[in-house]
Amino acid sequence: MNKIKYILITLFSSLFFGNVVLADGHSGSFDFHTGWSGDVTAMQVAEGHIMGTGNFVGATFNDSGSGYLHNGEAQCFAAFEVNNGVGENKGWCAWADSDGDRLYTSFVGDTQKGVNTIIGGTGKYTGWTGTGPWACTDTGVNGSNYCNQTLNYTKP
């Protein structure tokens, strides 16, 4: 009877610790920020109602000073609508790090904040899934802004 008890304890312990190690090694989150400049094309479709697109390029930095997406470029394409001060934003981004590996996201939100969703990647980002919030602030009249982001990811 003791032999069966020890086998069961060993089995359950190994399953528990194996899951803890896998979870710690395969998921997490990180914070990063990006400075942007962009070209926006907009048209007024009615009084107080505009629609448009934008292409944005920038530099991305991991908030910890190293790690995922640190010292990389960022490129995004967005489509937007603002109707009587209420905006909606949709688009896609390609992020890189100093190794040249890339992470791809889609995003939705209003004109100031929203959610990124991981849709693909290369190198170390291959097979990643996850989401995270973003929030942006305009810095001037020439289309520049900065954004703070968090990504919660799961690796394969």
C-alpha atoms as a PDB file:
ATOM      1  CA  MET A   1       0.000   0.000   0.000  1.00  0.00           C
ATOM      2  CA  ASN A   2       2.847   2.409   0.850  1.00  0.00           C
ATOM      3  CA  LYS A   3       4.442   1.702  -2.523  1.00  0.00           C
ATOM      4  CA  ILE A   4       1.268   2.801  -4.363  1.00  0.00           C
ATOM      5  CA  LYS A   5       1.010   5.906  -2.175  1.00  0.00           C
ATOM      6  CA  TYR A   6       4.604   6.932  -3.001  1.00  0.00           C
ATOM      7  CA  ILE A   7       4.048   6.315  -6.705  1.00  0.00           C
ATOM      8  CA  LEU A   8       0.925   8.511  -6.656  1.00  0.00           C
ATOM      9  CA  ILE A   9       2.674  11.266  -4.684  1.00  0.00           C
ATOM     10  CA  THR A  10       5.611  11.186  -7.107  1.00  0.00           C
ATOM     11  CA  LEU A  11       3.284  11.255 -10.128  1.00  0.00           C
ATOM     12  CA  PHE A  12       1.188  14.178  -8.866  1.00  0.00           C
ATOM     13  CA  SER A  13       4.267  16.099  -7.711  1.00  0.00           C
ATOM     14  CA  SER A  14       5.963  15.733 -11.085  1.00  0.00           C
ATOM     15  CA  LEU A  15       2.806  16.837 -12.919  1.00  0.00           C
ATOM     16  CA  PHE A  16       2.398  19.858 -10.638  1.00  0.00           C
ATOM     17  CA  PHE A  17       6.034  20.993 -10.840  1.00  0.00           C
ATOM     18  CA  GLY A  18       6.166  20.261 -14.570  1.00  0.00           C
ATOM     19  CA  ASN A  19       3.176  22.535 -15.153  1.00  0.00           C
ATOM     20  CA  VAL A  20       4.674  25.293 -13.011  1.00  0.00           C
ATOM     21  CA  VAL A  21       7.955  25.177 -14.952  1.00  0.00           C
ATOM     22  CA  LEU A  22       6.153  25.123 -18.315  1.00  0.00           C
ATOM     23  CA  ALA A  23       3.905  28.022 -17.336  1.00  0.00           C
ATOM     24  CA  ASP A  24       6.833  30.132 -16.134  1.00  0.00           C
ATOM     25  CA  GLY A  25       8.898  29.365 -19.227  1.00  0.00           C
ATOM     26  CA  HIS A  26       6.170  29.848 -21.802  1.00  0.00           C
ATOM     27  CA  SER A  27       4.114  32.887 -20.797  1.00  0.00           C
ATOM     28  CA  GLY A  28       4.627  36.320 -19.351  1.00  0.00           C
ATOM     29  CA  SER A  29       4.260  40.013 -20.050  1.00  0.00           C
ATOM     30  CA  PHE A  30       6.403  43.043 -20.750  1.00  0.00           C
ATOM     31  CA  ASP A  31       5.944  46.795 -21.011  1.00  0.00           C
ATOM     32  CA  PHE A  32       7.332  48.902 -23.850  1.00  0.00           C
ATOM     33  CA  HIS A  33       6.963  52.377 -25.283  1.00  0.00           C
ATOM     34  CA  THR A  34       7.173  53.798 -28.785  1.00  0.00           C
ATOM     35  CA  GLY A  35       7.719  57.250 -30.245  1.00  0.00           C
ATOM     36  CA  TRP A  36       5.883  57.748 -33.539  1.00  0.00           C
ATOM     37  CA  SER A  37       5.722  60.007 -36.524  1.00  0.00           C
ATOM     38  CA  GLY A  38       3.111  59.495 -39.175  1.00  0.00           C
ATOM     39  CA  ASP A  39       1.489  60.549 -42.387  1.00  0.00           C
ATOM     40  CA  VAL A  40      -2.271  60.832 -42.106  1.00  0.00           C
ATOM     41  CA  THR A  41      -4.790  61.182 -44.898  1.00  0.00           C
ATOM     42  CA  ALA A  42      -8.260  62.209 -43.771  1.00  0.00           C
ATOM     43  CA  MET A  43     -11.459  63.324 -45.432  1.00  0.00           C
ATOM     44  CA  GLN A  44     -14.483  65.007 -43.998  1.00  0.00           C
ATOM     45  CA  VAL A  45     -17.557  62.940 -44.924  1.00  0.00           C
ATOM     46  CA  ALA A  46     -20.051  65.128 -43.054  1.00  0.00           C
ATOM     47  CA  GLU A  47     -20.066  67.966 -40.553  1.00  0.00           C
ATOM     48  CA  GLY A  48     -18.035  66.752 -37.546  1.00  0.00           C
ATOM     49  CA  HIS A  49     -17.351  63.375 -39.184  1.00  0.00           C
ATOM     50  CA  ILE A  50     -13.956  62.362 -40.644  1.00  0.00           C
ATOM     51  CA  MET A  51     -12.491  59.094 -41.886  1.00  0.00           C
ATOM     52  CA  GLY A  52      -8.922  58.338 -42.808  1.00  0.00           C
ATOM     53  CA  THR A  53      -5.791  56.254 -42.814  1.00  0.00           C
ATOM     54  CA  GLY A  54      -2.301  56.659 -41.456  1.00  0.00           C
ATOM     55  CA  ASN A  55       1.147  55.146 -41.849  1.00  0.00           C
ATOM     56  CA  PHE A  56       3.346  55.444 -38.778  1.00  0.00           C
ATOM     57  CA  VAL A  57       7.013  54.666 -38.109  1.00  0.00           C
ATOM     58  CA  GLY A  58       8.822  54.821 -34.826  1.00  0.00           C
ATOM     59  CA  ALA A  59      11.339  53.454 -32.356  1.00  0.00           C
ATOM     60  CA  THR A  60      10.414  51.013 -29.602  1.00  0.00           C
ATOM     61  CA  PHE A  61      12.043  50.516 -26.203  1.00  0.00           C
ATOM     62  CA  ASN A  62      11.371  47.865 -23.565  1.00  0.00           C
ATOM     63  CA  ASP A  63      10.638  49.691 -20.291  1.00  0.00           C
ATOM     64  CA  SER A  64      13.155  47.482 -18.445  1.00  0.00           C
ATOM     65  CA  GLY A  65      15.986  48.752 -20.681  1.00  0.00           C
ATOM     66  CA  SER A  66      16.512  45.383 -22.402  1.00  0.00           C
ATOM     67  CA  GLY A  67      14.537  42.372 -23.577  1.00  0.00           C
ATOM     68  CA  TYR A  68      11.653  41.907 -25.978  1.00  0.00           C
ATOM     69  CA  LEU A  69      11.226  44.657 -28.614  1.00  0.00           C
ATOM     70  CA  HIS A  70      14.026  46.761 -27.128  1.00  0.00           C
ATOM     71  CA  ASN A  71      15.810  49.173 -29.481  1.00  0.00           C
ATOM     72  CA  GLY A  72      13.686  48.157 -32.425  1.00  0.00           C
ATOM     73  CA  GLU A  73      11.725  49.781 -35.171  1.00  0.00           C
ATOM     74  CA  ALA A  74       7.960  49.918 -35.353  1.00  0.00           C
ATOM     75  CA  GLN A  75       5.678  50.304 -38.340  1.00  0.00           C
ATOM     76  CA  CYS A  76       1.883  50.588 -38.224  1.00  0.00           C
ATOM     77  CA  PHE A  77      -0.958  51.131 -40.636  1.00  0.00           C
ATOM     78  CA  ALA A  78      -4.256  52.449 -39.252  1.00  0.00           C
ATOM     79  CA  ALA A  79      -7.758  53.224 -40.436  1.00  0.00           C
ATOM     80  CA  PHE A  80      -9.841  55.550 -38.301  1.00  0.00           C
ATOM     81  CA  GLU A  81     -13.141  57.331 -37.975  1.00  0.00           C
ATOM     82  CA  VAL A  82     -14.048  60.258 -35.739  1.00  0.00           C
ATOM     83  CA  ASN A  83     -17.731  61.216 -35.565  1.00  0.00           C
ATOM     84  CA  ASN A  84     -18.635  64.208 -33.376  1.00  0.00           C
ATOM     85  CA  GLY A  85     -15.542  63.682 -31.224  1.00  0.00           C
ATOM     86  CA  VAL A  86     -15.952  59.910 -30.785  1.00  0.00           C
ATOM     87  CA  GLY A  87     -13.232  57.935 -32.531  1.00  0.00           C
ATOM     88  CA  GLU A  88     -12.524  54.396 -33.607  1.00  0.00           C
ATOM     89  CA  ASN A  89      -9.127  53.080 -34.667  1.00  0.00           C
ATOM     90  CA  LYS A  90      -8.158  49.762 -36.335  1.00  0.00           C
ATOM     91  CA  GLY A  91      -4.848  48.647 -37.736  1.00  0.00           C
ATOM     92  CA  TRP A  92      -1.798  46.438 -37.867  1.00  0.00           C
ATOM     93  CA  CYS A  93       1.771  46.812 -36.638  1.00  0.00           C
ATOM     94  CA  ALA A  94       5.131  45.189 -37.297  1.00  0.00           C
ATOM     95  CA  TRP A  95       7.545  45.483 -34.364  1.00  0.00           C
ATOM     96  CA  ALA A  96      11.238  44.553 -34.366  1.00  0.00           C
ATOM     97  CA  ASP A  97      14.009  44.236 -31.819  1.00  0.00           C
ATOM     98  CA  SER A  98      17.739  44.781 -32.118  1.00  0.00           C
ATOM     99  CA  ASP A  99      18.159  41.138 -33.252  1.00  0.00           C
ATOM    100  CA  GLY A 100      15.886  41.778 -36.260  1.00  0.00           C
ATOM    101  CA  ASP A 101      13.183  39.389 -35.015  1.00  0.00           C
ATOM    102  CA  ARG A 102       9.674  40.689 -35.667  1.00  0.00           C
ATOM    103  CA  LEU A 103       6.346  40.553 -33.852  1.00  0.00           C
ATOM    104  CA  TYR A 104       3.076  41.335 -35.664  1.00  0.00           C
ATOM    105  CA  THR A 105      -0.063  42.704 -34.007  1.00  0.00           C
ATOM    106  CA  SER A 106      -3.480  43.968 -34.916  1.00  0.00           C
ATOM    107  CA  PHE A 107      -5.100  46.672 -32.819  1.00  0.00           C
ATOM    108  CA  VAL A 108      -8.471  48.244 -32.084  1.00  0.00           C
ATOM    109  CA  GLY A 109      -9.509  51.123 -29.898  1.00  0.00           C
ATOM    110  CA  ASP A 110     -10.568  54.718 -29.815  1.00  0.00           C
ATOM    111  CA  THR A 111      -8.135  57.484 -30.763  1.00  0.00           C
ATOM    112  CA  GLN A 112      -6.246  57.347 -27.433  1.00  0.00           C
ATOM    113  CA  LYS A 113      -6.301  53.748 -26.101  1.00  0.00           C
ATOM    114  CA  GLY A 114      -7.123  50.194 -27.062  1.00  0.00           C
ATOM    115  CA  VAL A 115      -5.873  46.616 -27.289  1.00  0.00           C
ATOM    116  CA  ASN A 116      -3.107  44.950 -29.319  1.00  0.00           C
ATOM    117  CA  THR A 117      -3.507  41.292 -30.371  1.00  0.00           C
ATOM    118  CA  ILE A 118      -0.491  39.239 -31.435  1.00  0.00           C
ATOM    119  CA  ILE A 119      -1.080  37.764 -34.912  1.00  0.00           C
ATOM    120  CA  GLY A 120       2.374  36.402 -35.834  1.00  0.00           C
ATOM    121  CA  GLY A 121       6.097  36.697 -35.565  1.00  0.00           C
ATOM    122  CA  THR A 122       9.555  35.633 -36.712  1.00  0.00           C
ATOM    123  CA  GLY A 123      12.585  34.355 -34.823  1.00  0.00           C
ATOM    124  CA  LYS A 124      12.020  34.281 -31.070  1.00  0.00           C
ATOM    125  CA  TYR A 125       8.430  35.542 -31.580  1.00  0.00           C
ATOM    126  CA  THR A 126       7.342  32.670 -33.862  1.00  0.00           C
ATOM    127  CA  GLY A 127       4.115  31.105 -32.635  1.00  0.00           C
ATOM    128  CA  TRP A 128       3.396  33.687 -29.930  1.00  0.00           C
ATOM    129  CA  THR A 129      -0.187  34.536 -28.988  1.00  0.00           C
ATOM    130  CA  GLY A 130      -1.549  37.151 -26.619  1.00  0.00           C
ATOM    131  CA  THR A 131      -2.998  40.594 -26.093  1.00  0.00           C
ATOM    132  CA  GLY A 132      -2.344  43.764 -24.170  1.00  0.00           C
ATOM    133  CA  PRO A 133      -3.423  47.376 -23.765  1.00  0.00           C
ATOM    134  CA  TRP A 134      -1.987  50.451 -25.456  1.00  0.00           C
ATOM    135  CA  ALA A 135      -2.429  54.147 -24.694  1.00  0.00           C
ATOM    136  CA  CYS A 136      -1.147  57.050 -26.818  1.00  0.00           C
ATOM    137  CA  THR A 137      -0.599  60.761 -26.286  1.00  0.00           C
ATOM    138  CA  ASP A 138      -0.163  63.392 -29.010  1.00  0.00           C
ATOM    139  CA  THR A 139       3.043  65.413 -28.737  1.00  0.00           C
ATOM    140  CA  GLY A 140       2.452  68.054 -31.382  1.00  0.00           C
ATOM    141  CA  VAL A 141       0.618  69.296 -34.422  1.00  0.00           C
ATOM    142  CA  ASN A 142       2.869  67.470 -36.888  1.00  0.00           C
ATOM    143  CA  GLY A 143       1.434  63.982 -36.303  1.00  0.00           C
ATOM    144  CA  SER A 144       3.915  62.755 -33.703  1.00  0.00           C
ATOM    145  CA  ASN A 145       2.934  60.912 -30.530  1.00  0.00           C
ATOM    146  CA  TYR A 146       4.135  58.343 -28.031  1.00  0.00           C
ATOM    147  CA  CYS A 147       2.443  55.176 -26.845  1.00  0.00           C
ATOM    148  CA  ASN A 148       2.817  52.930 -23.824  1.00  0.00           C
ATOM    149  CA  GLN A 149       2.017  49.261 -24.364  1.00  0.00           C
ATOM    150  CA  THR A 150       1.898  46.003 -22.439  1.00  0.00           C
ATOM    151  CA  LEU A 151       1.871  42.590 -24.091  1.00  0.00           C
ATOM    152  CA  ASN A 152       0.785  39.446 -22.256  1.00  0.00           C
ATOM    153  CA  TYR A 153       2.138  36.558 -24.329  1.00  0.00           C
ATOM    154  CA  THR A 154       2.191  32.788 -24.525  1.00  0.00           C
ATOM    155  CA  LYS A 155       4.985  31.024 -26.389  1.00  0.00           C
ATOM    156  CA  PRO A 156       4.484  27.653 -28.111  1.00  0.00           C
END
